[in-house]
Amino acid sequence: MRGFSKAIITGNLTRDPELRTTPNGASVCSFSVAVNRVYRDTSGEQKEDVSFIDCSAWGKLGEMINQYAKKGTGVLVSGRLDQRSWEDKATGTKRSRVEIVVEDFNFTGAAANRDAGSNSYSGNFGASGASEAPAPASDIPDDIPEGEIDLSDVPF
C-alpha cells in the first residue's frame, strides 16, 4: 500500500533562510519555523509550547523564499515529511531528523508587509516554480466603489 504524508504549519522563521547549491546545480533553501501552541494543563493554568520545525525548499521556490523571507517573517508552509538519516562523523552514532520538504509557501502577518514597504508580496509560490510571483500590494486597486462587486458570483 502506498503511503501519504502532508504537513501544514504556520509560524515565524527562527533564522534567516540559507540558500545552497547542490553539486549538480540545484538550489535548496533551508529554514526553521517556530510553531506556538497555547493550551491549559490539568490544573487549568494556561501554558505555551513552542516547536521548531526544519524545512527545505528546492528550486525556484527556495530561491524566492531566500529572497523575500528573513528571521521573524510569518509563514504558512505545507509539504511532505521527509526523514533523513546519517552517521555522525565525530561520534560514529546514527542520527536522523524529520523535516518538511516545502511544496507550498505563503507569507502571513503584518510583519512581512511592514518590512517590505510598498513592494510587499503575498501569495502562493507553488513548488514547481511555474506560478509567477504575485503582484505588489501597491498594484491592487483600492478605489473600487462599494456595490460594484456582486458576491453572489464568487464560487465559494
N, C-alpha and C. Protein backbone atom coordinates (compact mmCIF):
# COMPACT_ATOMS: atom_id res chain seq x y z
N MET A 1 0.85 -1.18 0.00
CA MET A 1 0.00 0.00 0.00
C MET A 1 0.89 1.24 0.00
N ARG A 2 0.51 2.22 -0.76
CA ARG A 2 1.26 3.47 -0.82
C ARG A 2 1.00 4.30 0.42
N GLY A 3 1.99 5.06 0.82
CA GLY A 3 1.85 5.95 1.96
C GLY A 3 1.52 7.36 1.52
N PHE A 4 1.20 8.18 2.47
CA PHE A 4 0.86 9.57 2.21
C PHE A 4 1.36 10.40 3.38
N SER A 5 2.02 11.52 3.11
CA SER A 5 2.40 12.42 4.19
C SER A 5 2.17 13.85 3.74
N LYS A 6 1.58 14.62 4.62
CA LYS A 6 1.31 16.03 4.35
C LYS A 6 1.38 16.76 5.68
N ALA A 7 2.09 17.85 5.70
CA ALA A 7 2.19 18.67 6.90
C ALA A 7 1.88 20.11 6.53
N ILE A 8 1.13 20.78 7.40
CA ILE A 8 0.81 22.20 7.21
C ILE A 8 1.10 22.88 8.54
N ILE A 9 1.96 23.89 8.50
CA ILE A 9 2.29 24.62 9.72
C ILE A 9 2.26 26.12 9.44
N THR A 10 2.05 26.88 10.50
CA THR A 10 2.16 28.33 10.40
C THR A 10 2.93 28.82 11.61
N GLY A 11 3.80 29.77 11.40
CA GLY A 11 4.64 30.29 12.48
C GLY A 11 5.58 31.36 11.92
N ASN A 12 6.69 31.55 12.63
CA ASN A 12 7.66 32.56 12.24
C ASN A 12 9.03 31.93 12.03
N LEU A 13 9.78 32.43 11.04
CA LEU A 13 11.12 31.94 10.79
C LEU A 13 12.00 32.24 12.00
N THR A 14 12.80 31.25 12.42
CA THR A 14 13.66 31.42 13.58
C THR A 14 15.03 31.97 13.21
N ARG A 15 15.34 31.95 11.94
CA ARG A 15 16.61 32.47 11.44
C ARG A 15 16.44 32.84 9.98
N ASP A 16 17.39 33.58 9.44
CA ASP A 16 17.35 33.90 8.02
C ASP A 16 17.49 32.61 7.21
N PRO A 17 16.78 32.50 6.08
CA PRO A 17 16.91 31.31 5.24
C PRO A 17 18.34 31.18 4.71
N GLU A 18 18.76 29.95 4.49
CA GLU A 18 20.10 29.69 3.97
C GLU A 18 19.97 28.99 2.62
N LEU A 19 20.48 29.63 1.57
CA LEU A 19 20.39 29.07 0.21
C LEU A 19 21.72 28.42 -0.16
N ARG A 20 21.66 27.17 -0.60
CA ARG A 20 22.84 26.44 -1.05
C ARG A 20 22.57 25.89 -2.44
N THR A 21 23.64 25.49 -3.10
CA THR A 21 23.51 24.85 -4.41
C THR A 21 24.16 23.48 -4.33
N THR A 22 23.46 22.46 -4.79
CA THR A 22 24.00 21.10 -4.78
C THR A 22 25.06 20.98 -5.87
N PRO A 23 25.89 19.93 -5.81
CA PRO A 23 26.91 19.75 -6.85
C PRO A 23 26.34 19.67 -8.26
N ASN A 24 25.09 19.21 -8.41
CA ASN A 24 24.50 19.13 -9.76
C ASN A 24 23.77 20.42 -10.15
N GLY A 25 23.88 21.48 -9.32
CA GLY A 25 23.35 22.79 -9.69
C GLY A 25 21.96 23.12 -9.17
N ALA A 26 21.34 22.24 -8.40
CA ALA A 26 20.00 22.51 -7.85
C ALA A 26 20.11 23.42 -6.63
N SER A 27 19.18 24.37 -6.51
CA SER A 27 19.13 25.27 -5.36
C SER A 27 18.27 24.65 -4.27
N VAL A 28 18.71 24.77 -3.02
CA VAL A 28 17.92 24.33 -1.88
C VAL A 28 18.04 25.36 -0.77
N CYS A 29 16.90 25.74 -0.23
CA CYS A 29 16.83 26.75 0.83
C CYS A 29 16.39 26.05 2.11
N SER A 30 17.16 26.23 3.18
CA SER A 30 16.84 25.64 4.48
C SER A 30 16.45 26.74 5.45
N PHE A 31 15.42 26.48 6.24
CA PHE A 31 15.00 27.42 7.26
C PHE A 31 14.23 26.66 8.33
N SER A 32 13.98 27.32 9.45
CA SER A 32 13.27 26.71 10.56
C SER A 32 12.12 27.61 10.95
N VAL A 33 10.98 26.99 11.31
CA VAL A 33 9.78 27.73 11.68
C VAL A 33 9.42 27.40 13.13
N ALA A 34 9.19 28.44 13.93
CA ALA A 34 8.72 28.26 15.30
C ALA A 34 7.20 28.24 15.28
N VAL A 35 6.62 27.17 15.83
CA VAL A 35 5.17 26.99 15.87
C VAL A 35 4.75 27.01 17.33
N ASN A 36 3.92 28.00 17.71
CA ASN A 36 3.46 28.13 19.09
C ASN A 36 2.14 27.42 19.29
N ARG A 37 1.98 26.86 20.48
CA ARG A 37 0.73 26.20 20.85
C ARG A 37 0.38 26.62 22.27
N VAL A 38 -0.83 27.11 22.45
CA VAL A 38 -1.31 27.51 23.77
C VAL A 38 -2.35 26.48 24.22
N TYR A 39 -2.23 26.02 25.46
CA TYR A 39 -3.15 25.02 25.99
C TYR A 39 -3.29 25.21 27.50
N ARG A 40 -4.23 24.52 28.09
CA ARG A 40 -4.43 24.53 29.54
C ARG A 40 -4.02 23.18 30.09
N ASP A 41 -3.23 23.21 31.18
CA ASP A 41 -2.83 21.95 31.81
C ASP A 41 -3.95 21.42 32.70
N THR A 42 -3.71 20.33 33.39
CA THR A 42 -4.76 19.69 34.19
C THR A 42 -5.27 20.57 35.32
N SER A 43 -4.47 21.54 35.78
CA SER A 43 -4.91 22.44 36.84
C SER A 43 -5.65 23.66 36.27
N GLY A 44 -5.75 23.76 34.95
CA GLY A 44 -6.44 24.88 34.33
C GLY A 44 -5.55 26.06 34.01
N GLU A 45 -4.26 25.94 34.34
CA GLU A 45 -3.32 27.02 34.07
C GLU A 45 -2.96 27.05 32.59
N GLN A 46 -2.93 28.24 32.00
CA GLN A 46 -2.60 28.38 30.58
C GLN A 46 -1.10 28.23 30.39
N LYS A 47 -0.71 27.39 29.46
CA LYS A 47 0.70 27.13 29.15
C LYS A 47 0.94 27.39 27.67
N GLU A 48 2.20 27.62 27.32
CA GLU A 48 2.57 27.79 25.92
C GLU A 48 3.73 26.88 25.60
N ASP A 49 3.65 26.23 24.46
CA ASP A 49 4.66 25.31 23.98
C ASP A 49 5.15 25.81 22.62
N VAL A 50 6.44 25.64 22.34
CA VAL A 50 6.97 26.03 21.05
C VAL A 50 7.68 24.83 20.43
N SER A 51 7.39 24.56 19.16
CA SER A 51 8.09 23.53 18.40
C SER A 51 8.87 24.22 17.29
N PHE A 52 10.07 23.73 17.04
CA PHE A 52 10.91 24.28 15.99
C PHE A 52 10.98 23.25 14.87
N ILE A 53 10.43 23.60 13.72
CA ILE A 53 10.30 22.66 12.60
C ILE A 53 11.26 23.06 11.48
N ASP A 54 12.12 22.12 11.09
CA ASP A 54 13.06 22.35 9.99
C ASP A 54 12.34 22.16 8.66
N CYS A 55 12.66 23.03 7.70
CA CYS A 55 12.04 22.98 6.37
C CYS A 55 13.11 23.13 5.30
N SER A 56 12.85 22.57 4.13
CA SER A 56 13.72 22.79 2.97
C SER A 56 12.85 22.99 1.74
N ALA A 57 13.27 23.93 0.91
CA ALA A 57 12.53 24.23 -0.33
C ALA A 57 13.53 24.18 -1.49
N TRP A 58 13.14 23.52 -2.54
CA TRP A 58 14.03 23.29 -3.67
C TRP A 58 13.70 24.19 -4.85
N GLY A 59 14.68 24.45 -5.69
CA GLY A 59 14.50 25.17 -6.95
C GLY A 59 14.07 26.61 -6.80
N LYS A 60 13.21 27.04 -7.71
CA LYS A 60 12.73 28.42 -7.76
C LYS A 60 12.03 28.82 -6.47
N LEU A 61 11.26 27.90 -5.90
CA LEU A 61 10.57 28.18 -4.65
C LEU A 61 11.57 28.54 -3.55
N GLY A 62 12.63 27.76 -3.43
CA GLY A 62 13.66 28.04 -2.44
C GLY A 62 14.34 29.38 -2.67
N GLU A 63 14.58 29.70 -3.93
CA GLU A 63 15.21 30.98 -4.27
C GLU A 63 14.31 32.15 -3.87
N MET A 64 13.01 32.01 -4.09
CA MET A 64 12.08 33.08 -3.74
C MET A 64 11.98 33.25 -2.22
N ILE A 65 11.94 32.15 -1.50
CA ILE A 65 11.89 32.23 -0.04
C ILE A 65 13.15 32.92 0.47
N ASN A 66 14.29 32.55 -0.06
CA ASN A 66 15.54 33.16 0.36
C ASN A 66 15.56 34.66 0.07
N GLN A 67 14.96 35.06 -1.04
CA GLN A 67 14.97 36.47 -1.44
C GLN A 67 14.04 37.32 -0.58
N TYR A 68 12.85 36.82 -0.24
CA TYR A 68 11.83 37.64 0.40
C TYR A 68 11.64 37.41 1.90
N ALA A 69 12.09 36.28 2.44
CA ALA A 69 11.86 35.99 3.85
C ALA A 69 13.12 36.26 4.66
N LYS A 70 12.93 36.53 5.94
CA LYS A 70 14.04 36.71 6.86
C LYS A 70 13.58 36.31 8.26
N LYS A 71 14.48 36.29 9.19
CA LYS A 71 14.15 35.92 10.56
C LYS A 71 12.95 36.72 11.05
N GLY A 72 11.96 36.03 11.63
CA GLY A 72 10.78 36.68 12.16
C GLY A 72 9.61 36.75 11.19
N THR A 73 9.84 36.49 9.91
CA THR A 73 8.77 36.54 8.92
C THR A 73 7.71 35.48 9.23
N GLY A 74 6.45 35.88 9.20
CA GLY A 74 5.35 34.94 9.39
C GLY A 74 5.10 34.16 8.11
N VAL A 75 4.97 32.84 8.24
CA VAL A 75 4.80 31.99 7.07
C VAL A 75 3.77 30.91 7.32
N LEU A 76 3.17 30.44 6.24
CA LEU A 76 2.36 29.23 6.24
C LEU A 76 3.04 28.30 5.25
N VAL A 77 3.41 27.12 5.72
CA VAL A 77 4.17 26.17 4.92
C VAL A 77 3.40 24.87 4.82
N SER A 78 3.34 24.28 3.65
CA SER A 78 2.80 22.93 3.53
C SER A 78 3.73 22.12 2.63
N GLY A 79 3.77 20.84 2.91
CA GLY A 79 4.64 19.98 2.14
C GLY A 79 4.60 18.57 2.69
N ARG A 80 5.55 17.77 2.26
CA ARG A 80 5.60 16.39 2.70
C ARG A 80 6.69 16.24 3.76
N LEU A 81 6.50 15.26 4.63
CA LEU A 81 7.51 14.97 5.64
C LEU A 81 8.57 14.07 5.02
N ASP A 82 9.83 14.34 5.38
CA ASP A 82 10.93 13.55 4.86
C ASP A 82 11.90 13.28 6.00
N GLN A 83 12.30 12.02 6.16
CA GLN A 83 13.26 11.66 7.20
C GLN A 83 14.62 11.43 6.57
N ARG A 84 15.61 12.13 7.10
CA ARG A 84 16.98 11.96 6.63
C ARG A 84 17.78 11.26 7.71
N SER A 85 18.65 10.34 7.31
CA SER A 85 19.49 9.63 8.26
C SER A 85 20.95 9.76 7.83
N TRP A 86 21.86 9.83 8.80
CA TRP A 86 23.27 9.92 8.53
C TRP A 86 24.04 9.43 9.75
N GLU A 87 25.33 9.24 9.55
CA GLU A 87 26.19 8.84 10.66
C GLU A 87 27.02 10.04 11.07
N ASP A 88 26.97 10.36 12.36
CA ASP A 88 27.73 11.49 12.91
C ASP A 88 29.22 11.19 12.78
N LYS A 89 29.96 12.03 12.07
CA LYS A 89 31.38 11.78 11.83
C LYS A 89 32.19 11.85 13.12
N ALA A 90 31.77 12.72 14.04
CA ALA A 90 32.53 12.89 15.28
C ALA A 90 32.36 11.71 16.24
N THR A 91 31.14 11.21 16.38
CA THR A 91 30.87 10.16 17.36
C THR A 91 30.60 8.79 16.74
N GLY A 92 30.31 8.74 15.45
CA GLY A 92 30.00 7.48 14.79
C GLY A 92 28.59 6.97 15.04
N THR A 93 27.77 7.75 15.75
CA THR A 93 26.40 7.33 16.02
C THR A 93 25.49 7.67 14.86
N LYS A 94 24.45 6.86 14.72
CA LYS A 94 23.46 7.13 13.67
C LYS A 94 22.55 8.24 14.15
N ARG A 95 22.27 9.17 13.25
CA ARG A 95 21.40 10.31 13.55
C ARG A 95 20.31 10.37 12.50
N SER A 96 19.19 10.99 12.84
CA SER A 96 18.13 11.19 11.86
C SER A 96 17.32 12.42 12.25
N ARG A 97 16.62 12.95 11.28
CA ARG A 97 15.72 14.06 11.55
C ARG A 97 14.63 14.09 10.51
N VAL A 98 13.49 14.60 10.93
CA VAL A 98 12.34 14.73 10.05
C VAL A 98 12.20 16.22 9.72
N GLU A 99 12.00 16.53 8.46
CA GLU A 99 11.79 17.91 8.05
C GLU A 99 10.65 17.96 7.05
N ILE A 100 10.16 19.16 6.82
CA ILE A 100 9.13 19.38 5.81
C ILE A 100 9.82 19.78 4.51
N VAL A 101 9.56 19.04 3.45
CA VAL A 101 10.01 19.43 2.12
C VAL A 101 8.87 20.28 1.56
N VAL A 102 9.13 21.57 1.42
CA VAL A 102 8.10 22.55 1.12
C VAL A 102 7.58 22.38 -0.31
N GLU A 103 6.25 22.31 -0.41
CA GLU A 103 5.58 22.25 -1.71
C GLU A 103 4.78 23.51 -1.97
N ASP A 104 4.41 24.21 -0.89
CA ASP A 104 3.57 25.40 -0.98
C ASP A 104 3.97 26.35 0.14
N PHE A 105 3.99 27.64 -0.13
CA PHE A 105 4.51 28.62 0.82
C PHE A 105 3.75 29.93 0.70
N ASN A 106 3.34 30.50 1.82
CA ASN A 106 2.68 31.81 1.83
C ASN A 106 3.25 32.66 2.95
N PHE A 107 3.40 33.94 2.71
CA PHE A 107 3.76 34.86 3.77
C PHE A 107 2.49 35.21 4.54
N THR A 108 2.60 35.37 5.84
CA THR A 108 1.46 35.73 6.67
C THR A 108 1.83 36.90 7.56
N GLY A 109 0.84 37.57 8.10
CA GLY A 109 1.07 38.58 9.12
C GLY A 109 1.49 39.92 8.59
N ALA A 110 1.39 40.91 9.47
CA ALA A 110 1.70 42.30 9.13
C ALA A 110 3.19 42.54 9.04
N ALA A 111 4.01 41.75 9.74
CA ALA A 111 5.45 41.99 9.75
C ALA A 111 6.03 41.90 8.34
N ALA A 112 5.58 40.94 7.54
CA ALA A 112 6.09 40.79 6.18
C ALA A 112 5.76 42.02 5.35
N ASN A 113 4.54 42.53 5.48
CA ASN A 113 4.13 43.71 4.71
C ASN A 113 4.83 44.96 5.21
N ARG A 114 4.99 45.10 6.53
CA ARG A 114 5.62 46.29 7.09
C ARG A 114 7.08 46.37 6.64
N ASP A 115 7.81 45.26 6.72
CA ASP A 115 9.23 45.27 6.40
C ASP A 115 9.48 45.46 4.92
N ALA A 116 8.58 44.99 4.08
CA ALA A 116 8.78 45.08 2.63
C ALA A 116 8.31 46.41 2.07
N GLY A 117 7.61 47.22 2.86
CA GLY A 117 7.13 48.51 2.40
C GLY A 117 6.11 48.36 1.29
N SER A 118 6.19 49.25 0.29
CA SER A 118 5.19 49.24 -0.77
C SER A 118 5.38 48.06 -1.72
N ASN A 119 6.52 47.39 -1.66
CA ASN A 119 6.76 46.24 -2.54
C ASN A 119 6.44 44.93 -1.84
N SER A 120 5.50 44.95 -0.92
CA SER A 120 5.19 43.72 -0.19
C SER A 120 4.53 42.72 -1.13
N TYR A 121 4.86 41.47 -0.93
CA TYR A 121 4.31 40.39 -1.72
C TYR A 121 3.59 39.42 -0.82
N SER A 122 2.53 38.85 -1.30
CA SER A 122 1.81 37.82 -0.58
C SER A 122 1.27 36.87 -1.61
N GLY A 123 1.41 35.60 -1.38
CA GLY A 123 0.85 34.67 -2.35
C GLY A 123 1.48 33.32 -2.31
N ASN A 124 0.96 32.45 -3.14
CA ASN A 124 1.38 31.07 -3.22
C ASN A 124 2.42 30.98 -4.33
N PHE A 125 3.62 30.48 -3.98
CA PHE A 125 4.67 30.38 -4.97
C PHE A 125 4.80 29.01 -5.57
N GLY A 126 4.01 28.02 -5.15
CA GLY A 126 3.98 26.69 -5.74
C GLY A 126 5.34 26.02 -5.88
N ALA A 127 5.41 24.75 -5.61
CA ALA A 127 6.67 24.02 -5.63
C ALA A 127 7.28 23.93 -7.01
N SER A 128 6.47 23.95 -8.05
CA SER A 128 7.01 23.80 -9.40
C SER A 128 7.75 25.04 -9.86
N GLY A 129 7.51 26.16 -9.19
CA GLY A 129 8.12 27.40 -9.62
C GLY A 129 7.45 27.96 -10.86
N ALA A 130 6.43 27.27 -11.35
CA ALA A 130 5.78 27.71 -12.58
C ALA A 130 4.89 28.91 -12.35
N SER A 131 4.35 29.04 -11.15
CA SER A 131 3.47 30.18 -10.91
C SER A 131 4.31 31.43 -10.72
N GLU A 132 3.80 32.52 -11.21
CA GLU A 132 4.53 33.77 -11.11
C GLU A 132 4.38 34.35 -9.73
N ALA A 133 5.34 35.20 -9.35
CA ALA A 133 5.24 35.91 -8.07
C ALA A 133 4.02 36.81 -8.12
N PRO A 134 3.34 36.97 -7.00
CA PRO A 134 2.15 37.81 -7.00
C PRO A 134 2.51 39.28 -7.21
N ALA A 135 1.52 40.04 -7.62
CA ALA A 135 1.73 41.46 -7.85
C ALA A 135 1.98 42.18 -6.53
N PRO A 136 2.81 43.24 -6.54
CA PRO A 136 2.99 44.01 -5.32
C PRO A 136 1.65 44.56 -4.84
N ALA A 137 1.53 44.71 -3.53
CA ALA A 137 0.28 45.19 -2.95
C ALA A 137 -0.10 46.56 -3.51
N SER A 138 0.90 47.36 -3.91
CA SER A 138 0.61 48.69 -4.45
C SER A 138 -0.10 48.62 -5.79
N ASP A 139 -0.05 47.46 -6.49
CA ASP A 139 -0.72 47.31 -7.78
C ASP A 139 -2.18 46.92 -7.65
N ILE A 140 -2.63 46.61 -6.44
CA ILE A 140 -4.01 46.21 -6.24
C ILE A 140 -4.86 47.47 -6.09
N PRO A 141 -5.85 47.65 -6.94
CA PRO A 141 -6.65 48.87 -6.86
C PRO A 141 -7.46 48.93 -5.57
N ASP A 142 -7.45 50.11 -4.92
CA ASP A 142 -8.23 50.27 -3.69
C ASP A 142 -9.37 51.27 -3.90
N ASP A 143 -9.64 51.59 -5.15
CA ASP A 143 -10.67 52.58 -5.43
C ASP A 143 -11.92 51.96 -6.05
N ILE A 144 -12.19 50.69 -5.76
CA ILE A 144 -13.39 50.05 -6.29
C ILE A 144 -14.57 50.51 -5.46
N PRO A 145 -15.52 51.19 -6.07
CA PRO A 145 -16.68 51.68 -5.33
C PRO A 145 -17.51 50.53 -4.78
N GLU A 146 -18.09 50.75 -3.60
CA GLU A 146 -18.96 49.75 -2.99
C GLU A 146 -20.13 49.46 -3.90
N GLY A 147 -20.55 48.22 -3.88
CA GLY A 147 -21.72 47.83 -4.66
C GLY A 147 -21.39 47.36 -6.06
N GLU A 148 -20.14 47.55 -6.53
CA GLU A 148 -19.80 47.11 -7.88
C GLU A 148 -19.42 45.64 -7.94
N ILE A 149 -19.18 45.02 -6.79
CA ILE A 149 -18.83 43.61 -6.76
C ILE A 149 -20.02 42.83 -6.23
N ASP A 150 -20.50 41.89 -7.04
CA ASP A 150 -21.62 41.05 -6.63
C ASP A 150 -21.06 39.77 -6.03
N LEU A 151 -21.14 39.64 -4.71
CA LEU A 151 -20.55 38.49 -4.03
C LEU A 151 -21.28 37.19 -4.33
N SER A 152 -22.46 37.24 -4.90
CA SER A 152 -23.14 36.01 -5.26
C SER A 152 -22.45 35.29 -6.42
N ASP A 153 -21.58 35.99 -7.15
CA ASP A 153 -20.85 35.39 -8.25
C ASP A 153 -19.59 34.66 -7.79
N VAL A 154 -19.19 34.85 -6.54
CA VAL A 154 -18.00 34.20 -6.03
C VAL A 154 -18.28 32.71 -5.89
N PRO A 155 -17.38 31.85 -6.44
CA PRO A 155 -17.68 30.42 -6.48
C PRO A 155 -17.52 29.68 -5.16
N PHE A 156 -17.22 30.33 -4.09
CA PHE A 156 -17.09 29.62 -2.81
C PHE A 156 -17.86 30.30 -1.71
